[in-house]
Structures are given as C-alpha cells and as structure tokens.
Amino acid sequence: MGAITYKRFRKNPDKVIDEVVDAEEAITVTREDGRDVVIIPAKEFESWKETLHLLGSKKNAARLRTSVKEIEAEIARRR
C-alpha cells in the first residue's frame, strides 16, 4: 500500500485501517521525527508470528526446508 503521513492517518484512522484490512497489505505511517510505524492486518501479523515460531529452531527449520524441497520435486515430476 505504501506510506501515508501521520497527519493523514490522524484525520481518519478508521478509513486507513479499513484500507489496510481490505487490501490485506501493510502501510507505513510516517512522522516528521522519523519514528515511523507500520500497520498490518492482524491476519498477516499472526501469519508472521507462526512463521517465526516454525523457523525458530534450527532443527525444525531444516525439516521444513527439506519438506518444501520434496514437495517441489514432486510437483516438478508431475509436470
């Protein structure tokens, strides 16, 4: 979605939040002091947390990478 100023966000936060949720994309709210924030849909945030959890241990991350490679190889064989 890009970025908007804090001033624009402050004028109509409900509209901005609706846009973020509807587009399912993050938006950066910029401030003059450089202390910017990012607003993301809760669904996306939960997905990020799940990914971080799954990749949190080296052993589990390696297992997941192996599984992805196996799935990709199976898909390639079926083509």
C-alpha atoms as a PDB file:
ATOM      1  CA  MET A   1       0.000   0.000   0.000  1.00  0.00           C
ATOM      2  CA  GLY A   2       2.898   2.334   0.527  1.00  0.00           C
ATOM      3  CA  ALA A   3       3.093   5.121   3.050  1.00  0.00           C
ATOM      4  CA  ILE A   4       0.981   7.957   4.397  1.00  0.00           C
ATOM      5  CA  THR A   5       1.752  10.817   6.714  1.00  0.00           C
ATOM      6  CA  TYR A   6       0.781  10.755  10.341  1.00  0.00           C
ATOM      7  CA  LYS A   7      -1.302  13.851   9.686  1.00  0.00           C
ATOM      8  CA  ARG A   8      -3.411  11.971   7.096  1.00  0.00           C
ATOM      9  CA  PHE A   9      -3.725   8.970   9.407  1.00  0.00           C
ATOM     10  CA  ARG A  10      -4.871  11.184  12.277  1.00  0.00           C
ATOM     11  CA  LYS A  11      -7.639  12.728  10.133  1.00  0.00           C
ATOM     12  CA  ASN A  12      -9.366   9.413   9.537  1.00  0.00           C
ATOM     13  CA  PRO A  13      -7.771   6.400  11.245  1.00  0.00           C
ATOM     14  CA  ASP A  14     -10.845   4.209  10.675  1.00  0.00           C
ATOM     15  CA  LYS A  15     -10.604   4.683   6.903  1.00  0.00           C
ATOM     16  CA  VAL A  16      -6.881   3.869   6.859  1.00  0.00           C
ATOM     17  CA  ILE A  17      -7.399   0.756   8.970  1.00  0.00           C
ATOM     18  CA  ASP A  18     -10.241  -0.367   6.689  1.00  0.00           C
ATOM     19  CA  GLU A  19      -7.982   0.128   3.655  1.00  0.00           C
ATOM     20  CA  VAL A  20      -5.215  -1.928   5.258  1.00  0.00           C
ATOM     21  CA  VAL A  21      -7.581  -4.767   6.145  1.00  0.00           C
ATOM     22  CA  ASP A  22      -9.393  -4.715   2.791  1.00  0.00           C
ATOM     23  CA  ALA A  23      -6.162  -4.671   0.753  1.00  0.00           C
ATOM     24  CA  GLU A  24      -4.528  -7.204   3.078  1.00  0.00           C
ATOM     25  CA  GLU A  25      -1.337  -5.136   2.868  1.00  0.00           C
ATOM     26  CA  ALA A  26       0.742  -3.162   5.304  1.00  0.00           C
ATOM     27  CA  ILE A  27       1.023   0.615   5.295  1.00  0.00           C
ATOM     28  CA  THR A  28       3.727   2.777   6.804  1.00  0.00           C
ATOM     29  CA  VAL A  29       2.670   5.820   8.768  1.00  0.00           C
ATOM     30  CA  THR A  30       5.479   8.355   8.525  1.00  0.00           C
ATOM     31  CA  ARG A  31       6.209  11.035  11.094  1.00  0.00           C
ATOM     32  CA  GLU A  32       8.360  14.120  10.833  1.00  0.00           C
ATOM     33  CA  ASP A  33      10.641  12.935  13.627  1.00  0.00           C
ATOM     34  CA  GLY A  34      11.411   9.723  11.716  1.00  0.00           C
ATOM     35  CA  ARG A  35       9.659   7.492  14.246  1.00  0.00           C
ATOM     36  CA  ASP A  36       7.542   5.694  11.649  1.00  0.00           C
ATOM     37  CA  VAL A  37       5.205   2.782  12.309  1.00  0.00           C
ATOM     38  CA  VAL A  38       3.767   0.043  10.148  1.00  0.00           C
ATOM     39  CA  ILE A  39       0.141  -1.035  10.340  1.00  0.00           C
ATOM     40  CA  ILE A  40      -0.550  -4.560   9.132  1.00  0.00           C
ATOM     41  CA  PRO A  41      -3.709  -6.660   9.159  1.00  0.00           C
ATOM     42  CA  ALA A  42      -3.946  -8.899  12.233  1.00  0.00           C
ATOM     43  CA  LYS A  43      -4.248 -11.946   9.967  1.00  0.00           C
ATOM     44  CA  GLU A  44      -0.892 -11.102   8.379  1.00  0.00           C
ATOM     45  CA  PHE A  45       0.705 -10.467  11.774  1.00  0.00           C
ATOM     46  CA  GLU A  46      -0.463 -13.870  13.043  1.00  0.00           C
ATOM     47  CA  SER A  47       0.993 -15.483   9.924  1.00  0.00           C
ATOM     48  CA  TRP A  48       4.357 -13.827  10.606  1.00  0.00           C
ATOM     49  CA  LYS A  49       4.323 -14.993  14.214  1.00  0.00           C
ATOM     50  CA  GLU A  50       3.560 -18.558  13.115  1.00  0.00           C
ATOM     51  CA  THR A  51       6.405 -18.475  10.591  1.00  0.00           C
ATOM     52  CA  LEU A  52       8.834 -17.165  13.201  1.00  0.00           C
ATOM     53  CA  HIS A  53       7.745 -19.907  15.587  1.00  0.00           C
ATOM     54  CA  LEU A  54       8.135 -22.652  12.978  1.00  0.00           C
ATOM     55  CA  LEU A  55      11.563 -21.416  11.917  1.00  0.00           C
ATOM     56  CA  GLY A  56      12.619 -20.656  15.491  1.00  0.00           C
ATOM     57  CA  SER A  57      14.703 -23.774  15.940  1.00  0.00           C
ATOM     58  CA  LYS A  58      17.414 -24.840  13.518  1.00  0.00           C
ATOM     59  CA  LYS A  59      16.195 -28.439  13.586  1.00  0.00           C
ATOM     60  CA  ASN A  60      12.600 -27.548  12.719  1.00  0.00           C
ATOM     61  CA  ALA A  61      13.690 -25.054  10.053  1.00  0.00           C
ATOM     62  CA  ALA A  62      15.844 -27.738   8.397  1.00  0.00           C
ATOM     63  CA  ARG A  63      12.932 -30.195   8.444  1.00  0.00           C
ATOM     64  CA  LEU A  64      10.636 -27.630   6.847  1.00  0.00           C
ATOM     65  CA  ARG A  65      13.168 -26.794   4.125  1.00  0.00           C
ATOM     66  CA  THR A  66      13.573 -30.491   3.349  1.00  0.00           C
ATOM     67  CA  SER A  67       9.810 -30.918   3.152  1.00  0.00           C
ATOM     68  CA  VAL A  68       9.465 -27.949   0.802  1.00  0.00           C
ATOM     69  CA  LYS A  69      12.161 -29.373  -1.480  1.00  0.00           C
ATOM     70  CA  GLU A  70      10.380 -32.746  -1.528  1.00  0.00           C
ATOM     71  CA  ILE A  71       7.068 -31.105  -2.437  1.00  0.00           C
ATOM     72  CA  GLU A  72       8.714 -29.023  -5.152  1.00  0.00           C
ATOM     73  CA  ALA A  73      10.384 -32.122  -6.593  1.00  0.00           C
ATOM     74  CA  GLU A  74       7.046 -33.981  -6.617  1.00  0.00           C
ATOM     75  CA  ILE A  75       5.350 -31.084  -8.385  1.00  0.00           C
ATOM     76  CA  ALA A  76       8.128 -30.981 -10.982  1.00  0.00           C
ATOM     77  CA  ARG A  77       7.782 -34.747 -11.596  1.00  0.00           C
ATOM     78  CA  ARG A  78       4.046 -34.384 -12.224  1.00  0.00           C
ATOM     79  CA  ARG A  79       4.521 -31.733 -14.923  1.00  0.00           C
END
